[in-house]
Protein backbone atom coordinates (compact mmCIF):
# COMPACT_ATOMS: atom_id res chain seq x y z
CA MET A 1 54.41 158.16 -53.43
CA ARG A 2 54.20 157.57 -57.18
CA GLY A 3 56.47 156.92 -60.09
CA LEU A 4 55.45 159.13 -62.98
CA SER A 5 56.29 159.25 -66.66
CA VAL A 6 54.81 161.64 -69.21
CA ALA A 7 55.34 161.05 -72.90
CA ALA A 8 54.72 163.49 -75.71
CA ILE A 9 54.31 161.93 -79.11
CA ASN A 10 54.89 164.76 -81.55
CA SER A 11 53.94 165.89 -85.06
CA SER A 12 55.66 163.22 -87.12
CA SER A 13 54.09 160.58 -84.88
CA THR A 14 50.52 161.88 -85.05
CA VAL A 15 50.75 162.43 -88.80
CA ALA A 16 51.81 158.81 -89.00
CA VAL A 17 48.79 157.84 -86.85
CA LYS A 18 46.45 159.57 -89.29
CA GLN A 19 48.19 157.91 -92.20
CA SER A 20 48.13 154.52 -90.51
CA VAL A 21 44.41 154.84 -89.77
CA MET A 22 43.71 155.65 -93.40
CA GLU A 23 45.97 152.96 -94.83
CA GLY A 24 45.64 150.42 -92.03
CA MET A 25 49.10 149.01 -92.57
CA PHE A 26 51.60 150.64 -90.22
CA ARG A 27 52.63 149.24 -86.86
CA LEU A 28 53.94 152.19 -84.90
CA VAL A 29 55.41 151.44 -81.48
CA PHE A 30 56.72 153.95 -78.97
CA PHE A 31 58.19 153.60 -75.50
CA THR A 32 57.49 156.19 -72.85
CA PRO A 33 60.47 158.07 -71.46
CA GLU A 34 62.09 156.65 -68.38
CA LEU A 35 59.98 156.32 -65.27
CA LEU A 36 61.61 157.45 -62.03
CA LEU A 37 60.78 154.70 -59.56
CA LEU A 38 62.68 153.90 -56.36
CA LYS A 39 65.51 156.29 -57.23
CA LYS A 40 66.19 154.52 -60.55
CA LYS A 41 64.96 155.24 -64.06
CA TRP A 42 63.02 152.65 -66.05
CA ARG A 43 61.44 152.53 -69.47
CA CYS A 44 57.97 151.29 -68.66
CA ALA A 45 55.32 151.45 -71.37
CA ARG A 46 54.72 150.61 -74.98
CA ILE A 47 52.22 152.52 -77.06
CA TYR A 48 50.98 151.01 -80.32
CA LEU A 49 49.39 153.93 -82.13
CA ASN A 50 47.61 151.67 -84.60
CA GLY A 51 46.78 149.03 -82.00
CA ASP A 52 48.07 145.58 -81.17
CA GLY A 53 46.33 142.28 -80.54
CA LEU A 54 42.57 142.79 -80.09
CA GLY A 55 42.93 146.52 -80.83
CA LYS A 56 44.91 146.22 -84.06
CA ASN A 57 43.77 148.77 -86.68
CA THR A 58 40.88 149.99 -84.49
CA HIS A 59 42.41 151.27 -81.22
CA MET A 60 45.54 152.74 -79.70
CA SER A 61 47.05 150.11 -77.38
CA PHE A 62 48.87 150.97 -74.13
CA PHE A 63 50.99 148.34 -72.34
CA PHE A 64 53.14 148.23 -69.21
CA VAL A 65 56.53 146.49 -69.40
CA VAL A 66 58.64 145.27 -66.48
CA MET A 67 62.28 145.64 -67.47
CA ARG A 68 65.45 144.25 -65.98
CA GLY A 69 67.41 146.75 -63.92
CA PRO A 70 70.45 147.15 -61.69
CA ILE A 71 68.48 147.01 -58.40
CA ASP A 72 66.26 144.00 -59.16
CA GLU A 73 67.76 142.03 -56.26
CA TRP A 74 66.51 144.73 -53.86
CA LEU A 75 62.96 144.86 -55.17
CA PRO A 76 60.06 142.70 -53.99
CA TRP A 77 58.86 140.25 -56.66
CA PRO A 78 56.48 139.70 -58.32
CA PHE A 79 55.66 143.29 -59.30
CA LYS A 80 52.34 144.11 -57.56
CA LEU A 81 52.00 147.89 -57.77
CA LYS A 82 48.93 149.62 -59.19
CA VAL A 83 49.55 151.02 -62.70
CA THR A 84 47.48 153.87 -64.18
CA PHE A 85 47.56 154.91 -67.86
CA THR A 86 46.16 158.32 -68.86
CA LEU A 87 45.70 159.93 -72.28
CA ILE A 88 45.51 163.70 -71.70
CA ASN A 89 42.63 165.56 -73.33
CA GLN A 90 44.11 168.85 -74.51
CA MET A 91 40.75 170.54 -75.07
CA GLY A 92 39.74 170.54 -71.39
CA LYS A 93 37.41 167.56 -71.71
CA LYS A 94 37.62 164.24 -69.87
CA HIS A 95 40.95 162.38 -70.02
CA VAL A 96 40.94 158.66 -70.81
CA THR A 97 42.27 156.65 -67.87
CA ASP A 98 42.63 152.95 -67.15
CA SER A 99 44.22 151.32 -64.09
CA PHE A 100 45.10 147.80 -63.11
CA ARG A 101 46.77 145.81 -60.37
CA PRO A 102 49.13 143.20 -61.82
CA ASP A 103 48.34 139.51 -61.52
CA PRO A 104 51.19 138.21 -59.33
CA ASN A 105 50.95 134.83 -61.09
CA SER A 106 51.52 136.29 -64.56
CA SER A 107 55.00 135.91 -66.06
CA SER A 108 54.72 139.57 -67.15
CA PHE A 109 55.22 140.68 -63.54
CA GLN A 110 57.93 138.30 -62.33
CA ARG A 111 61.56 139.35 -61.94
CA PRO A 112 63.02 139.57 -65.47
CA GLY A 113 65.41 136.72 -66.20
CA ARG A 114 67.84 136.64 -69.11
CA ARG A 115 65.73 138.88 -71.33
CA GLU A 116 65.88 142.67 -71.15
CA MET A 117 62.12 142.90 -70.57
CA ASN A 118 59.11 140.76 -69.79
CA ILE A 119 56.05 140.31 -71.99
CA ALA A 120 54.01 143.53 -71.98
CA SER A 121 50.59 143.58 -70.31
CA GLY A 122 47.89 146.21 -70.42
CA CYS A 123 45.14 147.65 -72.58
CA PRO A 124 45.01 146.50 -76.23
CA MET A 125 41.84 148.59 -76.76
CA PHE A 126 42.77 151.71 -74.78
CA ILE A 127 40.97 154.21 -77.06
CA ARG A 128 39.27 153.94 -80.46
CA LEU A 129 41.37 155.61 -83.17
CA GLU A 130 38.46 157.82 -84.28
CA HIS A 131 38.06 159.15 -80.74
CA LEU A 132 41.82 159.64 -80.40
CA LEU A 133 41.94 161.76 -83.56
CA LYS A 134 38.70 163.74 -83.09
CA GLY A 135 38.16 163.82 -79.32
CA GLY A 136 40.57 166.59 -78.33
CA PHE A 137 43.58 164.39 -77.63
CA VAL A 138 45.72 165.62 -80.53
CA LYS A 139 46.64 169.31 -80.46
CA ASP A 140 49.38 170.96 -82.50
CA ASP A 141 50.15 167.45 -83.77
CA CYS A 142 51.03 166.20 -80.29
CA ILE A 143 49.59 163.54 -77.95
CA TYR A 144 50.36 163.43 -74.21
CA LEU A 145 50.33 160.16 -72.27
CA ARG A 146 50.95 159.58 -68.56
CA VAL A 147 51.94 156.43 -66.71
CA MET A 148 51.71 156.37 -62.91
CA VAL A 149 52.88 153.57 -60.64
CA ASP A 150 51.64 153.78 -57.06
CA THR A 151 54.69 152.96 -54.94
CA GLY A 152 52.92 153.45 -51.61
CA ASP A 153 52.85 149.68 -51.02
CA ILE A 154 56.63 149.25 -51.22
CA PRO A 155 58.44 149.11 -47.89
CA LYS A 156 61.56 151.24 -47.61
CA ILE A 157 64.01 148.62 -48.79
CA LEU A 158 66.76 150.72 -50.29
CA PRO A 159 69.58 152.18 -48.21
């Protein structure tokens, strides 16, 4: 079983990516739509189109965020499920994919406390901006991103 979220970043966003690459001064951040996981919906990823951290101004960054939710008391903590990010190639070429298993000792994957969300963790250098713009990932001014969370390791804990 998997939780799946697909995000489409549309024309105004990709135009802004091109502009930000040329000017190198915009910090564009998007959240994916809600991820259906364990019968509840969660916002789960941040996309920095002009990069963040090590990827700033050179890469698109893709991060996973554990957010506080109404069923946290029912979930096993820390969050340990495999997360897969995919940037869809719209020209039929190879997609860009990166997966990771969370570090159970990282504060990013503990049960959220008073804050709405934990510190994001993921891929600061997911794809070089030049490859994003020229590699078949932008079509009709739209980019498609997918986040999958493998829920196969979660015991049936909900009624």
